[in-house]
N, C-alpha and C. Protein backbone atom coordinates (compact mmCIF):
# COMPACT_ATOMS: atom_id res chain seq x y z
N UNK A 1 5.64 -4.41 171.95
CA UNK A 1 5.87 -2.97 172.41
C UNK A 1 4.92 -3.03 173.41
N UNK A 2 5.27 -3.24 174.78
CA UNK A 2 4.27 -2.26 175.97
C UNK A 2 3.62 -0.77 175.94
N UNK A 3 2.33 -0.57 175.55
CA UNK A 3 2.24 0.94 175.88
C UNK A 3 2.00 0.92 177.24
N UNK A 4 2.11 2.23 177.93
CA UNK A 4 1.40 2.41 179.05
C UNK A 4 0.95 4.12 179.04
N UNK A 5 -0.30 4.22 179.54
CA UNK A 5 -0.54 5.18 179.61
C UNK A 5 -1.64 5.86 180.91
N UNK A 6 -1.26 7.10 181.25
CA UNK A 6 -1.25 7.92 182.51
C UNK A 6 -1.98 9.36 182.29
N UNK A 7 -2.56 9.66 183.10
CA UNK A 7 -3.35 10.90 183.14
C UNK A 7 -2.99 12.11 184.01
N UNK A 8 -3.64 13.18 184.24
CA UNK A 8 -3.59 14.19 184.90
C UNK A 8 -3.29 15.41 184.41
N UNK A 9 -3.20 16.60 185.31
CA UNK A 9 -3.57 18.16 184.86
C UNK A 9 -2.13 18.35 184.43
N UNK A 10 -0.95 18.14 185.35
CA UNK A 10 0.19 18.64 185.19
C UNK A 10 -0.07 19.99 184.98
N UNK A 11 -0.28 20.75 185.66
CA UNK A 11 0.23 22.58 185.48
C UNK A 11 0.94 22.68 186.08
N UNK A 12 2.64 22.42 185.88
CA UNK A 12 3.55 23.20 186.56
C UNK A 12 4.34 21.72 186.74
N UNK A 13 5.21 21.47 186.18
CA UNK A 13 5.90 19.98 186.35
C UNK A 13 6.95 20.20 187.27
N UNK A 14 7.03 19.27 188.22
CA UNK A 14 7.77 18.90 189.22
C UNK A 14 8.65 17.52 189.78
N UNK A 15 9.64 17.75 190.76
CA UNK A 15 10.18 16.22 190.74
C UNK A 15 8.79 15.19 191.44
N UNK A 16 7.77 15.50 191.65
CA UNK A 16 6.68 13.87 191.93
C UNK A 16 6.60 13.76 190.27
N UNK A 17 5.93 14.55 189.93
CA UNK A 17 5.71 14.08 188.33
C UNK A 17 7.02 13.56 187.46
N UNK A 18 8.19 13.91 188.32
CA UNK A 18 9.51 13.06 187.23
C UNK A 18 8.95 11.74 187.59
N UNK A 19 9.21 11.83 188.76
CA UNK A 19 9.16 10.19 189.44
C UNK A 19 7.86 9.14 189.18
N UNK A 20 6.42 10.05 189.46
CA UNK A 20 5.46 9.84 188.78
C UNK A 20 6.02 8.83 187.00
N UNK A 21 6.20 9.96 185.84
CA UNK A 21 6.63 8.95 184.89
C UNK A 21 7.56 8.37 184.59
N UNK A 22 8.76 8.53 185.79
CA UNK A 22 9.73 7.16 185.65
C UNK A 22 9.13 6.04 186.41
N UNK A 23 8.08 6.33 187.42
CA UNK A 23 7.43 4.89 187.69
C UNK A 23 6.75 4.02 186.42
N UNK A 24 5.96 4.93 186.24
CA UNK A 24 5.29 4.52 184.87
C UNK A 24 5.69 3.89 183.72
N UNK A 25 6.89 4.43 183.51
CA UNK A 25 8.12 3.92 182.37
C UNK A 25 8.33 2.39 182.60
N UNK A 26 8.56 2.57 183.88
CA UNK A 26 9.02 0.82 184.64
C UNK A 26 8.38 -0.72 183.77
N UNK A 27 7.03 0.49 183.30
CA UNK A 27 5.77 -1.28 182.93
C UNK A 27 5.53 -0.99 182.42
N UNK A 28 6.48 -0.16 180.84
CA UNK A 28 6.62 -0.62 179.55
C UNK A 28 7.41 0.03 178.96
N UNK A 29 7.28 0.41 177.81
CA UNK A 29 8.33 0.95 176.10
C UNK A 29 8.10 1.90 176.14
N UNK A 30 6.60 2.47 176.35
CA UNK A 30 5.99 3.56 175.75
C UNK A 30 5.21 4.04 176.51
N UNK A 31 5.22 5.53 177.11
CA UNK A 31 4.58 6.20 177.94
C UNK A 31 3.61 7.51 177.01
N UNK A 32 2.45 6.95 176.94
CA UNK A 32 1.45 8.22 176.67
C UNK A 32 1.24 8.57 177.88
N UNK A 33 1.11 10.15 177.56
CA UNK A 33 0.18 11.11 178.62
C UNK A 33 -0.90 11.48 178.13
N UNK A 34 -2.14 11.94 179.26
CA UNK A 34 -3.31 12.43 178.40
C UNK A 34 -3.39 13.86 179.70
N UNK A 35 -3.18 14.75 179.58
CA UNK A 35 -3.28 15.84 179.98
C UNK A 35 -4.90 16.62 179.57
N UNK A 36 -5.50 16.79 180.90
CA UNK A 36 -6.39 17.13 181.16
C UNK A 36 -7.24 18.39 180.70
N UNK A 37 -7.92 18.53 179.76
CA UNK A 37 -8.93 19.75 179.42
C UNK A 37 -9.43 21.02 180.12
N UNK A 38 -8.82 21.94 179.82
CA UNK A 38 -8.94 23.08 181.15
C UNK A 38 -10.36 23.25 180.93
N UNK A 39 -11.21 22.79 180.19
CA UNK A 39 -13.23 23.17 181.23
C UNK A 39 -13.10 21.70 182.00
N UNK A 40 -12.52 20.59 181.90
CA UNK A 40 -12.35 19.90 182.96
C UNK A 40 -11.83 20.21 183.91
N UNK A 41 -10.81 20.64 184.35
CA UNK A 41 -9.98 20.75 185.11
C UNK A 41 -11.09 21.73 186.10
N UNK A 42 -11.57 22.81 185.28
CA UNK A 42 -12.44 23.94 186.28
C UNK A 42 -13.41 23.07 186.48
N UNK A 43 -14.12 21.92 185.72
CA UNK A 43 -15.19 21.45 186.75
C UNK A 43 -14.62 20.43 187.65
N UNK A 44 -13.74 20.45 187.89
CA UNK A 44 -13.31 19.49 188.95
C UNK A 44 -12.72 20.73 189.98
N UNK A 45 -11.95 21.47 189.94
CA UNK A 45 -11.16 22.22 191.01
C UNK A 45 -12.04 23.41 191.43
N UNK A 46 -12.65 23.92 190.09
CA UNK A 46 -13.45 24.79 190.83
C UNK A 46 -12.99 26.24 189.83
N UNK A 47 -11.31 26.86 189.76
CA UNK A 47 -10.30 27.01 188.57
C UNK A 47 -9.55 26.72 187.79
N UNK A 48 -9.40 27.57 186.68
CA UNK A 48 -8.71 27.19 185.75
C UNK A 48 -7.36 27.06 186.19
N UNK A 49 -6.52 25.92 185.78
CA UNK A 49 -4.92 25.78 185.35
C UNK A 49 -4.33 27.13 185.13
N UNK A 50 -3.39 27.26 185.55
CA UNK A 50 -2.41 28.30 185.36
C UNK A 50 -1.60 28.58 184.11
N UNK A 51 -1.74 27.51 183.52
CA UNK A 51 -1.17 27.36 182.33
C UNK A 51 -2.04 26.56 181.29
N UNK A 52 -2.09 26.93 179.80
CA UNK A 52 -3.33 26.42 179.08
C UNK A 52 -3.00 24.98 178.96
N UNK A 53 -4.30 24.83 178.42
CA UNK A 53 -4.09 22.54 177.92
C UNK A 53 -2.56 22.72 177.02
N UNK A 54 -3.02 23.85 175.95
CA UNK A 54 -1.88 23.67 175.22
C UNK A 54 -0.47 23.56 175.54
N UNK A 55 -0.52 24.50 176.32
CA UNK A 55 0.80 24.92 177.26
C UNK A 55 1.21 23.50 177.83
N UNK A 56 0.33 23.05 179.01
CA UNK A 56 0.80 21.94 180.14
C UNK A 56 0.95 20.44 178.27
N UNK A 57 0.28 20.13 177.64
CA UNK A 57 0.53 19.12 176.75
C UNK A 57 1.78 19.42 175.67
N UNK A 58 2.29 20.52 175.50
CA UNK A 58 3.19 20.31 175.18
C UNK A 58 4.72 20.11 176.11
N UNK A 59 4.34 20.71 177.68
CA UNK A 59 5.64 20.77 178.54
C UNK A 59 5.61 18.96 178.49
N UNK A 60 4.92 18.60 178.69
CA UNK A 60 4.53 17.32 179.04
C UNK A 60 5.00 16.19 178.36
N UNK A 61 4.76 16.69 176.79
CA UNK A 61 5.47 16.11 175.59
C UNK A 61 6.93 15.48 175.73
N UNK A 62 7.62 17.03 176.09
CA UNK A 62 9.04 17.81 176.02
C UNK A 62 9.66 16.75 176.73
N UNK A 63 8.97 15.95 178.17
CA UNK A 63 9.60 15.03 178.97
C UNK A 63 10.25 14.01 178.72
N UNK A 64 11.39 14.03 179.03
CA UNK A 64 12.60 12.80 178.57
C UNK A 64 11.83 11.39 178.69
N UNK A 65 10.74 11.25 179.39
CA UNK A 65 10.03 9.69 180.18
C UNK A 65 8.99 9.51 179.28
N UNK A 66 8.78 11.07 178.39
CA UNK A 66 6.75 11.21 177.73
C UNK A 66 7.49 10.47 176.20
N UNK A 67 6.62 9.26 175.79
CA UNK A 67 7.00 9.14 173.81
C UNK A 67 5.96 10.66 173.35
N UNK A 68 4.78 10.72 174.18
CA UNK A 68 3.76 11.20 173.40
C UNK A 68 2.75 11.74 174.38
N UNK A 69 2.43 13.21 174.60
CA UNK A 69 1.35 13.75 175.37
C UNK A 69 -0.08 14.13 174.13
N UNK A 70 -0.90 14.31 174.82
CA UNK A 70 -2.38 14.56 173.95
C UNK A 70 -3.61 14.89 175.28
N UNK A 71 -4.27 15.73 174.56
CA UNK A 71 -5.22 15.86 175.42
C UNK A 71 -6.67 15.16 175.42
N UNK A 72 -7.47 15.05 175.90
CA UNK A 72 -8.50 14.05 176.41
C UNK A 72 -9.45 14.42 175.48
N UNK A 73 -10.77 13.17 175.26
CA UNK A 73 -11.58 13.96 174.19
C UNK A 73 -12.56 14.53 175.35
N UNK A 74 -13.02 15.70 174.64
CA UNK A 74 -14.45 16.28 175.59
C UNK A 74 -15.70 15.25 176.12
N UNK A 75 -16.07 14.40 174.71
CA UNK A 75 -17.10 13.96 175.16
C UNK A 75 -16.89 12.54 175.43
N UNK A 76 -16.36 12.14 175.88
CA UNK A 76 -16.05 10.91 176.16
C UNK A 76 -14.60 10.36 177.30
N UNK A 77 -14.88 10.57 178.40
CA UNK A 77 -12.83 10.66 178.83
C UNK A 77 -12.36 9.19 179.03
N UNK A 78 -13.21 8.26 178.19
CA UNK A 78 -12.13 7.06 178.28
C UNK A 78 -12.22 6.33 176.58
N UNK A 79 -12.62 7.50 175.84
CA UNK A 79 -12.65 7.02 174.65
C UNK A 79 -11.15 7.45 173.79
N UNK A 80 -10.20 7.93 174.57
CA UNK A 80 -8.97 7.99 174.59
C UNK A 80 -7.86 6.81 174.89
N UNK A 81 -8.40 6.03 175.41
CA UNK A 81 -8.48 4.81 176.04
C UNK A 81 -8.75 3.39 174.70
N UNK A 82 -9.51 3.32 174.34
CA UNK A 82 -10.01 2.83 173.26
C UNK A 82 -9.31 3.35 172.09
N UNK A 83 -8.41 4.26 172.11
CA UNK A 83 -7.92 4.80 170.48
C UNK A 83 -6.36 4.10 170.78
N UNK A 84 -5.83 4.38 172.36
CA UNK A 84 -4.40 4.05 172.31
C UNK A 84 -4.13 2.60 172.32
N UNK A 85 -5.49 1.73 172.61
CA UNK A 85 -5.38 0.78 173.64
C UNK A 85 -3.81 0.11 174.21
N UNK A 86 -3.80 0.93 175.22
CA UNK A 86 -2.82 0.47 176.31
C UNK A 86 -2.92 -1.09 176.74
N UNK A 87 -1.65 -1.20 177.21
CA UNK A 87 -1.56 -2.62 177.89
C UNK A 87 -1.64 -1.91 179.09
N UNK A 88 -1.07 -1.29 179.57
CA UNK A 88 -1.29 -0.90 181.35
C UNK A 88 -1.55 0.42 181.37
N UNK A 89 -2.31 1.07 182.35
CA UNK A 89 -2.59 2.28 182.80
C UNK A 89 -2.06 2.60 184.24
N UNK A 90 -1.21 3.50 184.48
CA UNK A 90 -0.45 4.12 185.45
C UNK A 90 -1.69 5.28 186.08
N UNK A 91 -2.18 4.98 187.49
CA UNK A 91 -2.52 6.31 187.92
C UNK A 91 -1.86 6.81 188.97
N UNK A 92 -2.31 7.83 189.44
CA UNK A 92 -1.18 8.56 190.80
C UNK A 92 -1.73 8.27 191.50
N UNK A 93 -0.73 8.79 192.79
CA UNK A 93 -1.27 7.56 194.05
C UNK A 93 -2.64 8.28 194.96
N UNK A 94 -2.33 9.53 194.63
CA UNK A 94 -3.51 10.51 195.11
C UNK A 94 -4.77 10.51 193.71
N UNK A 95 -4.72 10.16 192.58
CA UNK A 95 -5.74 9.95 191.97
C UNK A 95 -7.25 9.15 191.80
N UNK A 96 -8.10 10.07 192.28
CA UNK A 96 -9.50 9.39 192.51
C UNK A 96 -10.65 9.07 191.62
N UNK A 97 -10.51 10.33 191.09
CA UNK A 97 -11.98 10.33 190.44
C UNK A 97 -11.89 10.07 188.79
N UNK A 98 -10.81 9.39 188.40
CA UNK A 98 -10.65 8.86 186.94
C UNK A 98 -11.09 7.41 187.76
N UNK A 99 -10.25 7.23 188.75
CA UNK A 99 -10.12 5.94 189.04
C UNK A 99 -11.32 4.97 189.73
N UNK A 100 -12.87 5.49 189.57
CA UNK A 100 -13.38 5.28 190.32
C UNK A 100 -14.18 4.64 189.33
N UNK A 101 -14.62 3.63 189.07
CA UNK A 101 -15.28 3.10 187.76
C UNK A 101 -14.67 2.71 186.50
N UNK A 102 -13.10 3.20 186.49
CA UNK A 102 -12.84 2.47 185.31
C UNK A 102 -12.60 0.74 185.02
N UNK A 103 -12.24 0.23 186.31
CA UNK A 103 -12.09 -1.13 185.92
C UNK A 103 -13.88 -1.73 185.02
N UNK A 104 -15.14 -1.07 185.25
CA UNK A 104 -15.87 -1.31 184.96
C UNK A 104 -16.12 -0.70 183.42
N UNK A 105 -15.98 0.49 183.26
CA UNK A 105 -15.87 0.88 182.01
C UNK A 105 -14.64 0.13 181.04
N UNK A 106 -13.51 0.05 181.25
CA UNK A 106 -12.71 -1.11 180.70
C UNK A 106 -13.46 -1.70 180.63
N UNK A 107 -13.98 -2.91 181.09
CA UNK A 107 -14.53 -4.02 181.00
C UNK A 107 -15.98 -3.99 180.14
N UNK A 108 -16.24 -3.02 179.74
CA UNK A 108 -17.77 -2.85 179.10
C UNK A 108 -17.09 -2.46 177.74
N UNK A 109 -15.87 -1.74 177.72
CA UNK A 109 -15.49 -1.80 176.30
C UNK A 109 -14.52 -2.61 175.49
N UNK A 110 -14.72 -3.95 176.31
CA UNK A 110 -13.59 -5.20 175.77
C UNK A 110 -12.22 -4.56 176.04
N UNK A 111 -12.22 -3.66 177.31
CA UNK A 111 -10.61 -3.53 177.13
C UNK A 111 -10.03 -4.51 178.62
N UNK A 112 -8.76 -4.62 178.36
CA UNK A 112 -8.13 -5.34 179.81
C UNK A 112 -6.83 -4.79 179.93
N UNK A 113 -6.52 -3.88 180.04
CA UNK A 113 -5.23 -2.81 180.82
C UNK A 113 -5.46 -3.71 181.61
N UNK A 114 -3.77 -3.80 182.16
CA UNK A 114 -3.41 -3.61 183.87
C UNK A 114 -3.35 -2.38 184.46
N UNK A 115 -4.08 -2.38 185.85
CA UNK A 115 -4.09 -0.73 185.94
C UNK A 115 -3.41 -1.23 187.29
N UNK A 116 -2.70 -0.08 187.18
CA UNK A 116 -1.76 0.36 188.56
C UNK A 116 -1.77 1.24 189.53
N UNK A 117 -1.59 1.36 190.46
CA UNK A 117 -1.77 3.08 191.05
C UNK A 117 0.40 2.69 191.42
N UNK A 118 0.59 3.99 191.29
CA UNK A 118 1.85 4.96 191.70
C UNK A 118 2.30 4.74 192.99
N UNK A 119 3.24 4.71 193.34
CA UNK A 119 3.49 5.45 194.68
C UNK A 119 4.00 6.42 194.96
N UNK A 120 3.80 7.12 196.40
CA UNK A 120 4.27 8.47 196.00
C UNK A 120 5.68 9.13 196.58
N UNK A 121 5.85 10.33 195.82
CA UNK A 121 7.23 10.54 195.99
C UNK A 121 7.31 11.55 197.14
N UNK A 122 7.54 11.55 198.39
CA UNK A 122 8.15 12.84 198.68
C UNK A 122 6.61 13.55 199.20
N UNK A 123 5.07 13.19 199.30
CA UNK A 123 3.98 13.75 199.02
C UNK A 123 4.04 15.47 200.03
N UNK A 124 5.45 15.34 201.00
CA UNK A 124 4.91 16.10 201.93
C UNK A 124 6.08 17.01 201.51
N UNK A 125 7.01 16.93 200.12
CA UNK A 125 7.29 18.06 199.69
C UNK A 125 6.60 18.59 198.27
N UNK A 126 6.42 17.19 197.56
CA UNK A 126 6.34 17.34 196.18
C UNK A 126 4.81 17.08 196.05
N UNK A 127 3.94 17.25 197.09
CA UNK A 127 2.40 17.45 196.60
C UNK A 127 2.06 19.15 195.61
N UNK A 128 1.60 18.65 194.78
CA UNK A 128 1.38 20.16 194.13
C UNK A 128 0.74 21.26 194.99
N UNK A 129 -0.65 20.84 195.70
CA UNK A 129 -1.05 22.02 196.56
C UNK A 129 -0.13 22.57 197.11
N UNK A 130 0.67 21.69 198.03
CA UNK A 130 1.84 22.48 198.89
C UNK A 130 2.94 23.50 198.34
N UNK A 131 3.14 22.93 197.28
CA UNK A 131 4.37 23.70 196.12
C UNK A 131 3.30 25.14 195.65
N UNK A 132 2.24 24.68 195.40
CA UNK A 132 1.51 26.20 195.31
C UNK A 132 1.87 26.72 196.29
N UNK A 133 1.66 26.39 197.29
CA UNK A 133 1.30 27.62 198.84
C UNK A 133 2.54 28.06 198.54
N UNK A 134 3.93 27.07 198.61
CA UNK A 134 5.24 28.11 198.86
C UNK A 134 5.57 28.97 198.05
N UNK A 135 5.29 28.53 196.79
CA UNK A 135 6.18 29.12 195.71
C UNK A 135 5.37 29.03 194.40
N UNK A 136 3.63 30.10 194.60
CA UNK A 136 2.74 29.79 193.47
C UNK A 136 2.86 30.16 192.48
N UNK A 137 4.22 31.17 192.05
CA UNK A 137 4.72 31.63 190.90
C UNK A 137 5.38 30.44 190.03
N UNK A 138 5.31 29.45 190.89
CA UNK A 138 6.52 28.38 190.17
C UNK A 138 5.27 27.41 190.21
N UNK A 139 4.57 26.76 190.99
CA UNK A 139 3.45 25.97 190.47
C UNK A 139 2.02 26.86 190.78
N UNK A 140 1.44 26.82 189.37
CA UNK A 140 -0.18 27.66 189.84
C UNK A 140 -1.14 26.90 190.41
N UNK A 141 -0.97 25.17 190.05
CA UNK A 141 -1.76 24.17 190.29
C UNK A 141 -1.95 22.96 189.38
N UNK A 142 -2.04 21.76 190.42
CA UNK A 142 -1.29 20.46 189.54
C UNK A 142 -2.25 19.99 190.46
N UNK A 143 -2.54 19.83 191.24
CA UNK A 143 -3.41 18.91 192.88
C UNK A 143 -4.20 17.67 191.96
N UNK A 144 -4.10 16.61 190.95
CA UNK A 144 -4.68 15.71 189.85
C UNK A 144 -5.55 14.96 190.70
N UNK A 145 -5.79 14.88 192.48
CA UNK A 145 -7.02 14.41 192.57
C UNK A 145 -8.39 14.69 191.62
N UNK A 146 -8.72 13.34 191.11
CA UNK A 146 -10.03 13.60 190.90
C UNK A 146 -10.46 14.47 189.81
N UNK A 147 -9.49 14.23 189.19
CA UNK A 147 -9.94 15.23 187.29
C UNK A 147 -9.20 13.81 186.67
N UNK A 148 -10.27 13.80 185.68
CA UNK A 148 -10.11 12.94 184.99
C UNK A 148 -10.09 13.56 183.20
N UNK A 149 -9.68 12.58 182.16
CA UNK A 149 -8.18 13.25 181.27
C UNK A 149 -8.96 14.00 180.20
N UNK A 150 -10.58 14.95 180.29
CA UNK A 150 -11.05 15.06 179.47
C UNK A 150 -10.72 16.63 179.63
């Protein structure tokens, strides 16, 4: 069984996330999603997400493409990768912060999953920051750029 791992904030799921999860599932049999901790989102984005980490992980876990959703570790953002031992890690098309140095960290820890970058899905429409401007009551905050899974 091939396990796929991906990461993000996921503060208001939209069709772009649906496509991200669908793409991730094409790389394996089991998709595990790590949802960023509230404190990490605050550190990276300068504001808390609209939904609590508990609510975000619950909603992601209910998605039809997701087999398991969990929160990252507050002390070591790579520890969850060691625990899960995925064969594939799928990064969002715009995810940068977590991707920087990822290969080196994996190598240092003796891990060698394949790293895949997802394609964008109509980012001119389904970019969370754009949706938040048009419909703030529906998508409060989920621009996953530079957010690590802590």
